[in-house]
Amino acid sequence: MDARIRKSVAISLGLPALGVLVVLPLLANTQIHLFGMPLLFVWIFLMFPLTSLCLWLAWRIDEPHYRETPSQPSGENR
């Protein structure tokens, strides 16, 4: 596996996993409230768009890999 693919996998899987598995236990016992909600719930709701952002970044890193392979025109397989 080359460095670009490893970087893509680390961003797409590693960062969201760290955001959930490491940060959630740290926020579980806090008494801080944002917008009337516990900080834990705010973080969980923020992880949805952050995970999507991580997946988009991973795709942008790995996209040139898919562009290098030539694609067949759709009419040739008939």
PDB file of N, CA and C in Angstrom:
ATOM      1  N   MET A   1       0.849  -1.164   0.000  1.00  0.00           N
ATOM      2  CA  MET A   1       0.000   0.000   0.000  1.00  0.00           C
ATOM      3  C   MET A   1       0.904   1.240   0.000  1.00  0.00           C
ATOM      4  N   ASP A   2       0.644   2.147  -0.912  1.00  0.00           N
ATOM      5  CA  ASP A   2       1.498   3.331  -0.968  1.00  0.00           C
ATOM      6  C   ASP A   2       1.062   4.364   0.075  1.00  0.00           C
ATOM      7  N   ALA A   3       1.870   5.409   0.195  1.00  0.00           N
ATOM      8  CA  ALA A   3       1.661   6.407   1.251  1.00  0.00           C
ATOM      9  C   ALA A   3       0.348   7.163   1.078  1.00  0.00           C
ATOM     10  N   ARG A   4      -0.066   7.382  -0.154  1.00  0.00           N
ATOM     11  CA  ARG A   4      -1.307   8.129  -0.400  1.00  0.00           C
ATOM     12  C   ARG A   4      -2.513   7.345   0.109  1.00  0.00           C
ATOM     13  N   ILE A   5      -2.508   6.039  -0.126  1.00  0.00           N
ATOM     14  CA  ILE A   5      -3.631   5.222   0.337  1.00  0.00           C
ATOM     15  C   ILE A   5      -3.623   5.121   1.861  1.00  0.00           C
ATOM     16  N   ARG A   6      -2.441   4.972   2.453  1.00  0.00           N
ATOM     17  CA  ARG A   6      -2.367   4.920   3.925  1.00  0.00           C
ATOM     18  C   ARG A   6      -2.863   6.223   4.548  1.00  0.00           C
ATOM     19  N   LYS A   7      -2.503   7.340   3.949  1.00  0.00           N
ATOM     20  CA  LYS A   7      -2.956   8.634   4.448  1.00  0.00           C
ATOM     21  C   LYS A   7      -4.475   8.763   4.318  1.00  0.00           C
ATOM     22  N   SER A   8      -5.005   8.293   3.204  1.00  0.00           N
ATOM     23  CA  SER A   8      -6.443   8.347   2.981  1.00  0.00           C
ATOM     24  C   SER A   8      -7.195   7.494   3.997  1.00  0.00           C
ATOM     25  N   VAL A   9      -6.686   6.298   4.265  1.00  0.00           N
ATOM     26  CA  VAL A   9      -7.332   5.404   5.237  1.00  0.00           C
ATOM     27  C   VAL A   9      -7.229   5.988   6.640  1.00  0.00           C
ATOM     28  N   ALA A  10      -6.085   6.563   6.967  1.00  0.00           N
ATOM     29  CA  ALA A  10      -5.921   7.158   8.297  1.00  0.00           C
ATOM     30  C   ALA A  10      -6.899   8.292   8.524  1.00  0.00           C
ATOM     31  N   ILE A  11      -7.117   9.117   7.498  1.00  0.00           N
ATOM     32  CA  ILE A  11      -8.046  10.244   7.638  1.00  0.00           C
ATOM     33  C   ILE A  11      -9.482   9.755   7.680  1.00  0.00           C
ATOM     34  N   SER A  12      -9.824   8.819   6.800  1.00  0.00           N
ATOM     35  CA  SER A  12     -11.229   8.413   6.700  1.00  0.00           C
ATOM     36  C   SER A  12     -11.667   7.511   7.842  1.00  0.00           C
ATOM     37  N   LEU A  13     -10.769   6.701   8.386  1.00  0.00           N
ATOM     38  CA  LEU A  13     -11.139   5.788   9.470  1.00  0.00           C
ATOM     39  C   LEU A  13     -10.561   6.207  10.819  1.00  0.00           C
ATOM     40  N   GLY A  14      -9.326   6.667  10.814  1.00  0.00           N
ATOM     41  CA  GLY A  14      -8.643   6.960  12.067  1.00  0.00           C
ATOM     42  C   GLY A  14      -9.169   8.168  12.805  1.00  0.00           C
ATOM     43  N   LEU A  15      -9.321   9.278  12.103  1.00  0.00           N
ATOM     44  CA  LEU A  15      -9.778  10.500  12.782  1.00  0.00           C
ATOM     45  C   LEU A  15     -11.190  10.364  13.361  1.00  0.00           C
ATOM     46  N   PRO A  16     -12.173   9.859  12.600  1.00  0.00           N
ATOM     47  CA  PRO A  16     -13.492   9.687  13.228  1.00  0.00           C
ATOM     48  C   PRO A  16     -13.482   8.688  14.380  1.00  0.00           C
ATOM     49  N   ALA A  17     -12.698   7.620  14.265  1.00  0.00           N
ATOM     50  CA  ALA A  17     -12.623   6.650  15.361  1.00  0.00           C
ATOM     51  C   ALA A  17     -12.016   7.285  16.607  1.00  0.00           C
ATOM     52  N   LEU A  18     -10.962   8.062  16.428  1.00  0.00           N
ATOM     53  CA  LEU A  18     -10.376   8.761  17.572  1.00  0.00           C
ATOM     54  C   LEU A  18     -11.351   9.767  18.168  1.00  0.00           C
ATOM     55  N   GLY A  19     -12.092  10.439  17.309  1.00  0.00           N
ATOM     56  CA  GLY A  19     -13.066  11.410  17.785  1.00  0.00           C
ATOM     57  C   GLY A  19     -14.159  10.789  18.622  1.00  0.00           C
ATOM     58  N   VAL A  20     -14.487   9.553  18.328  1.00  0.00           N
ATOM     59  CA  VAL A  20     -15.540   8.878  19.097  1.00  0.00           C
ATOM     60  C   VAL A  20     -14.944   8.085  20.251  1.00  0.00           C
ATOM     61  N   LEU A  21     -13.953   7.255  19.983  1.00  0.00           N
ATOM     62  CA  LEU A  21     -13.449   6.330  20.998  1.00  0.00           C
ATOM     63  C   LEU A  21     -12.570   6.994  22.060  1.00  0.00           C
ATOM     64  N   VAL A  22     -11.918   8.094  21.722  1.00  0.00           N
ATOM     65  CA  VAL A  22     -11.039   8.749  22.689  1.00  0.00           C
ATOM     66  C   VAL A  22     -11.729   9.942  23.351  1.00  0.00           C
ATOM     67  N   VAL A  23     -12.399  10.756  22.558  1.00  0.00           N
ATOM     68  CA  VAL A  23     -12.973  11.990  23.095  1.00  0.00           C
ATOM     69  C   VAL A  23     -14.252  11.731  23.891  1.00  0.00           C
ATOM     70  N   LEU A  24     -15.093  10.818  23.455  1.00  0.00           N
ATOM     71  CA  LEU A  24     -16.356  10.579  24.170  1.00  0.00           C
ATOM     72  C   LEU A  24     -16.155  10.183  25.626  1.00  0.00           C
ATOM     73  N   PRO A  25     -15.254   9.254  25.954  1.00  0.00           N
ATOM     74  CA  PRO A  25     -15.053   8.957  27.389  1.00  0.00           C
ATOM     75  C   PRO A  25     -14.537  10.155  28.181  1.00  0.00           C
ATOM     76  N   LEU A  26     -13.767  11.020  27.539  1.00  0.00           N
ATOM     77  CA  LEU A  26     -13.274  12.206  28.240  1.00  0.00           C
ATOM     78  C   LEU A  26     -14.391  13.207  28.523  1.00  0.00           C
ATOM     79  N   LEU A  27     -15.381  13.260  27.653  1.00  0.00           N
ATOM     80  CA  LEU A  27     -16.489  14.208  27.819  1.00  0.00           C
ATOM     81  C   LEU A  27     -17.653  13.631  28.613  1.00  0.00           C
ATOM     82  N   ALA A  28     -17.611  12.359  28.929  1.00  0.00           N
ATOM     83  CA  ALA A  28     -18.755  11.701  29.564  1.00  0.00           C
ATOM     84  C   ALA A  28     -19.100  12.268  30.929  1.00  0.00           C
ATOM     85  N   ASN A  29     -18.113  12.711  31.677  1.00  0.00           N
ATOM     86  CA  ASN A  29     -18.376  13.168  33.047  1.00  0.00           C
ATOM     87  C   ASN A  29     -18.309  14.679  33.199  1.00  0.00           C
ATOM     88  N   THR A  30     -18.355  15.423  32.109  1.00  0.00           N
ATOM     89  CA  THR A  30     -18.299  16.882  32.222  1.00  0.00           C
ATOM     90  C   THR A  30     -19.680  17.449  32.499  1.00  0.00           C
ATOM     91  N   GLN A  31     -19.697  18.581  33.145  1.00  0.00           N
ATOM     92  CA  GLN A  31     -20.957  19.264  33.452  1.00  0.00           C
ATOM     93  C   GLN A  31     -21.136  20.504  32.587  1.00  0.00           C
ATOM     94  N   ILE A  32     -20.364  20.624  31.518  1.00  0.00           N
ATOM     95  CA  ILE A  32     -20.424  21.785  30.637  1.00  0.00           C
ATOM     96  C   ILE A  32     -21.609  21.640  29.691  1.00  0.00           C
ATOM     97  N   HIS A  33     -22.343  22.737  29.491  1.00  0.00           N
ATOM     98  CA  HIS A  33     -23.474  22.751  28.572  1.00  0.00           C
ATOM     99  C   HIS A  33     -23.252  23.822  27.503  1.00  0.00           C
ATOM    100  N   LEU A  34     -23.510  23.464  26.255  1.00  0.00           N
ATOM    101  CA  LEU A  34     -23.484  24.406  25.139  1.00  0.00           C
ATOM    102  C   LEU A  34     -24.855  24.388  24.481  1.00  0.00           C
ATOM    103  N   PHE A  35     -25.404  25.549  24.247  1.00  0.00           N
ATOM    104  CA  PHE A  35     -26.722  25.659  23.616  1.00  0.00           C
ATOM    105  C   PHE A  35     -27.781  24.866  24.382  1.00  0.00           C
ATOM    106  N   GLY A  36     -27.619  24.753  25.699  1.00  0.00           N
ATOM    107  CA  GLY A  36     -28.577  24.041  26.530  1.00  0.00           C
ATOM    108  C   GLY A  36     -28.444  22.534  26.474  1.00  0.00           C
ATOM    109  N   MET A  37     -27.401  22.035  25.826  1.00  0.00           N
ATOM    110  CA  MET A  37     -27.188  20.583  25.725  1.00  0.00           C
ATOM    111  C   MET A  37     -25.852  20.232  26.366  1.00  0.00           C
ATOM    112  N   PRO A  38     -25.745  19.028  26.944  1.00  0.00           N
ATOM    113  CA  PRO A  38     -24.445  18.608  27.483  1.00  0.00           C
ATOM    114  C   PRO A  38     -23.388  18.564  26.373  1.00  0.00           C
ATOM    115  N   LEU A  39     -22.161  18.854  26.748  1.00  0.00           N
ATOM    116  CA  LEU A  39     -21.063  18.886  25.786  1.00  0.00           C
ATOM    117  C   LEU A  39     -20.915  17.557  25.056  1.00  0.00           C
ATOM    118  N   LEU A  40     -21.203  16.462  25.712  1.00  0.00           N
ATOM    119  CA  LEU A  40     -21.126  15.143  25.079  1.00  0.00           C
ATOM    120  C   LEU A  40     -22.056  15.057  23.878  1.00  0.00           C
ATOM    121  N   PHE A  41     -23.286  15.519  24.016  1.00  0.00           N
ATOM    122  CA  PHE A  41     -24.241  15.467  22.906  1.00  0.00           C
ATOM    123  C   PHE A  41     -23.839  16.417  21.782  1.00  0.00           C
ATOM    124  N   VAL A  42     -23.317  17.584  22.157  1.00  0.00           N
ATOM    125  CA  VAL A  42     -22.853  18.530  21.134  1.00  0.00           C
ATOM    126  C   VAL A  42     -21.737  17.885  20.325  1.00  0.00           C
ATOM    127  N   TRP A  43     -20.798  17.212  21.003  1.00  0.00           N
ATOM    128  CA  TRP A  43     -19.688  16.559  20.297  1.00  0.00           C
ATOM    129  C   TRP A  43     -20.196  15.446  19.377  1.00  0.00           C
ATOM    130  N   ILE A  44     -21.160  14.659  19.848  1.00  0.00           N
ATOM    131  CA  ILE A  44     -21.708  13.589  19.009  1.00  0.00           C
ATOM    132  C   ILE A  44     -22.360  14.184  17.762  1.00  0.00           C
ATOM    133  N   PHE A  45     -23.116  15.252  17.926  1.00  0.00           N
ATOM    134  CA  PHE A  45     -23.755  15.878  16.764  1.00  0.00           C
ATOM    135  C   PHE A  45     -22.729  16.503  15.830  1.00  0.00           C
ATOM    136  N   LEU A  46     -21.635  17.031  16.376  1.00  0.00           N
ATOM    137  CA  LEU A  46     -20.577  17.590  15.536  1.00  0.00           C
ATOM    138  C   LEU A  46     -19.808  16.503  14.780  1.00  0.00           C
ATOM    139  N   MET A  47     -19.781  15.302  15.325  1.00  0.00           N
ATOM    140  CA  MET A  47     -19.042  14.225  14.663  1.00  0.00           C
ATOM    141  C   MET A  47     -19.686  13.816  13.338  1.00  0.00           C
ATOM    142  N   PHE A  48     -20.985  14.020  13.165  1.00  0.00           N
ATOM    143  CA  PHE A  48     -21.617  13.676  11.881  1.00  0.00           C
ATOM    144  C   PHE A  48     -21.020  14.481  10.737  1.00  0.00           C
ATOM    145  N   PRO A  49     -21.018  15.823  10.775  1.00  0.00           N
ATOM    146  CA  PRO A  49     -20.400  16.555   9.671  1.00  0.00           C
ATOM    147  C   PRO A  49     -18.880  16.409   9.639  1.00  0.00           C
ATOM    148  N   LEU A  50     -18.235  16.248  10.804  1.00  0.00           N
ATOM    149  CA  LEU A  50     -16.791  16.071  10.813  1.00  0.00           C
ATOM    150  C   LEU A  50     -16.380  14.758  10.146  1.00  0.00           C
ATOM    151  N   THR A  51     -17.155  13.701  10.361  1.00  0.00           N
ATOM    152  CA  THR A  51     -16.875  12.432   9.701  1.00  0.00           C
ATOM    153  C   THR A  51     -17.061  12.559   8.198  1.00  0.00           C
ATOM    154  N   SER A  52     -18.110  13.253   7.786  1.00  0.00           N
ATOM    155  CA  SER A  52     -18.308  13.481   6.352  1.00  0.00           C
ATOM    156  C   SER A  52     -17.156  14.283   5.762  1.00  0.00           C
ATOM    157  N   LEU A  53     -16.672  15.263   6.498  1.00  0.00           N
ATOM    158  CA  LEU A  53     -15.529  16.052   6.046  1.00  0.00           C
ATOM    159  C   LEU A  53     -14.274  15.181   5.924  1.00  0.00           C
ATOM    160  N   CYS A  54     -14.063  14.293   6.885  1.00  0.00           N
ATOM    161  CA  CYS A  54     -12.914  13.386   6.818  1.00  0.00           C
ATOM    162  C   CYS A  54     -13.010  12.463   5.609  1.00  0.00           C
ATOM    163  N   LEU A  55     -14.196  11.952   5.332  1.00  0.00           N
ATOM    164  CA  LEU A  55     -14.369  11.085   4.163  1.00  0.00           C
ATOM    165  C   LEU A  55     -14.137  11.859   2.872  1.00  0.00           C
ATOM    166  N   TRP A  56     -14.588  13.103   2.820  1.00  0.00           N
ATOM    167  CA  TRP A  56     -14.368  13.916   1.627  1.00  0.00           C
ATOM    168  C   TRP A  56     -12.882  14.189   1.433  1.00  0.00           C
ATOM    169  N   LEU A  57     -12.174  14.524   2.525  1.00  0.00           N
ATOM    170  CA  LEU A  57     -10.735  14.762   2.426  1.00  0.00           C
ATOM    171  C   LEU A  57      -9.992  13.511   1.974  1.00  0.00           C
ATOM    172  N   ALA A  58     -10.391  12.363   2.503  1.00  0.00           N
ATOM    173  CA  ALA A  58      -9.756  11.117   2.091  1.00  0.00           C
ATOM    174  C   ALA A  58     -10.001  10.847   0.611  1.00  0.00           C
ATOM    175  N   TRP A  59     -11.191  11.137   0.139  1.00  0.00           N
ATOM    176  CA  TRP A  59     -11.486  10.948  -1.282  1.00  0.00           C
ATOM    177  C   TRP A  59     -10.657  11.898  -2.136  1.00  0.00           C
ATOM    178  N   ARG A  60     -10.505  13.144  -1.698  1.00  0.00           N
ATOM    179  CA  ARG A  60      -9.707  14.113  -2.466  1.00  0.00           C
ATOM    180  C   ARG A  60      -8.241  13.681  -2.534  1.00  0.00           C
ATOM    181  N   ILE A  61      -7.742  13.040  -1.481  1.00  0.00           N
ATOM    182  CA  ILE A  61      -6.363  12.556  -1.495  1.00  0.00           C
ATOM    183  C   ILE A  61      -6.225  11.371  -2.439  1.00  0.00           C
ATOM    184  N   ASP A  62      -7.184  10.480  -2.417  1.00  0.00           N
ATOM    185  CA  ASP A  62      -7.087   9.236  -3.178  1.00  0.00           C
ATOM    186  C   ASP A  62      -7.684   9.336  -4.580  1.00  0.00           C
ATOM    187  N   GLU A  63      -8.387  10.409  -4.895  1.00  0.00           N
ATOM    188  CA  GLU A  63      -9.048  10.549  -6.197  1.00  0.00           C
ATOM    189  C   GLU A  63      -8.085  10.468  -7.378  1.00  0.00           C
ATOM    190  N   PRO A  64      -6.904  11.071  -7.331  1.00  0.00           N
ATOM    191  CA  PRO A  64      -5.992  10.936  -8.478  1.00  0.00           C
ATOM    192  C   PRO A  64      -5.628   9.485  -8.787  1.00  0.00           C
ATOM    193  N   HIS A  65      -5.635   8.628  -7.778  1.00  0.00           N
ATOM    194  CA  HIS A  65      -5.361   7.206  -8.003  1.00  0.00           C
ATOM    195  C   HIS A  65      -6.401   6.597  -8.938  1.00  0.00           C
ATOM    196  N   TYR A  66      -7.642   6.991  -8.787  1.00  0.00           N
ATOM    197  CA  TYR A  66      -8.707   6.457  -9.630  1.00  0.00           C
ATOM    198  C   TYR A  66      -8.726   7.101 -11.010  1.00  0.00           C
ATOM    199  N   ARG A  67      -8.223   8.304 -11.111  1.00  0.00           N
ATOM    200  CA  ARG A  67      -8.175   8.976 -12.411  1.00  0.00           C
ATOM    201  C   ARG A  67      -7.082   8.395 -13.305  1.00  0.00           C
ATOM    202  N   GLU A  68      -6.054   7.771 -12.710  1.00  0.00           N
ATOM    203  CA  GLU A  68      -4.958   7.218 -13.485  1.00  0.00           C
ATOM    204  C   GLU A  68      -5.373   5.989 -14.277  1.00  0.00           C
ATOM    205  N   THR A  69      -6.368   5.261 -13.808  1.00  0.00           N
ATOM    206  CA  THR A  69      -6.800   4.060 -14.520  1.00  0.00           C
ATOM    207  C   THR A  69      -7.734   4.472 -15.650  1.00  0.00           C
ATOM    208  N   PRO A  70      -7.460   4.003 -16.870  1.00  0.00           N
ATOM    209  CA  PRO A  70      -8.328   4.380 -17.990  1.00  0.00           C
ATOM    210  C   PRO A  70      -9.695   3.707 -17.871  1.00  0.00           C
ATOM    211  N   SER A  71     -10.710   4.451 -18.198  1.00  0.00           N
ATOM    212  CA  SER A  71     -12.066   3.889 -18.148  1.00  0.00           C
ATOM    213  C   SER A  71     -12.522   3.577 -19.569  1.00  0.00           C
ATOM    214  N   GLN A  72     -13.360   2.560 -19.678  1.00  0.00           N
ATOM    215  CA  GLN A  72     -13.883   2.175 -20.979  1.00  0.00           C
ATOM    216  C   GLN A  72     -15.135   2.979 -21.283  1.00  0.00           C
ATOM    217  N   PRO A  73     -15.306   3.378 -22.519  1.00  0.00           N
ATOM    218  CA  PRO A  73     -16.573   4.013 -22.879  1.00  0.00           C
ATOM    219  C   PRO A  73     -17.727   3.016 -22.686  1.00  0.00           C
ATOM    220  N   SER A  74     -18.881   3.518 -22.336  1.00  0.00           N
ATOM    221  CA  SER A  74     -19.991   2.623 -22.002  1.00  0.00           C
ATOM    222  C   SER A  74     -20.505   1.842 -23.202  1.00  0.00           C
ATOM    223  N   GLY A  75     -20.254   2.273 -24.411  1.00  0.00           N
ATOM    224  CA  GLY A  75     -20.773   1.582 -25.593  1.00  0.00           C
ATOM    225  C   GLY A  75     -19.954   0.384 -26.042  1.00  0.00           C
ATOM    226  N   GLU A  76     -18.751   0.184 -25.515  1.00  0.00           N
ATOM    227  CA  GLU A  76     -17.887  -0.901 -25.981  1.00  0.00           C
ATOM    228  C   GLU A  76     -18.291  -2.267 -25.448  1.00  0.00           C
ATOM    229  N   ASN A  77     -19.033  -2.332 -24.361  1.00  0.00           N
ATOM    230  CA  ASN A  77     -19.368  -3.615 -23.764  1.00  0.00           C
ATOM    231  C   ASN A  77     -20.598  -4.247 -24.372  1.00  0.00           C
ATOM    232  N   ARG A  78     -21.187  -3.636 -25.335  1.00  0.00           N
ATOM    233  CA  ARG A  78     -22.435  -4.170 -25.906  1.00  0.00           C
ATOM    234  C   ARG A  78     -22.200  -5.177 -26.965  1.00  0.00           C
TER     235      ARG A  78
END
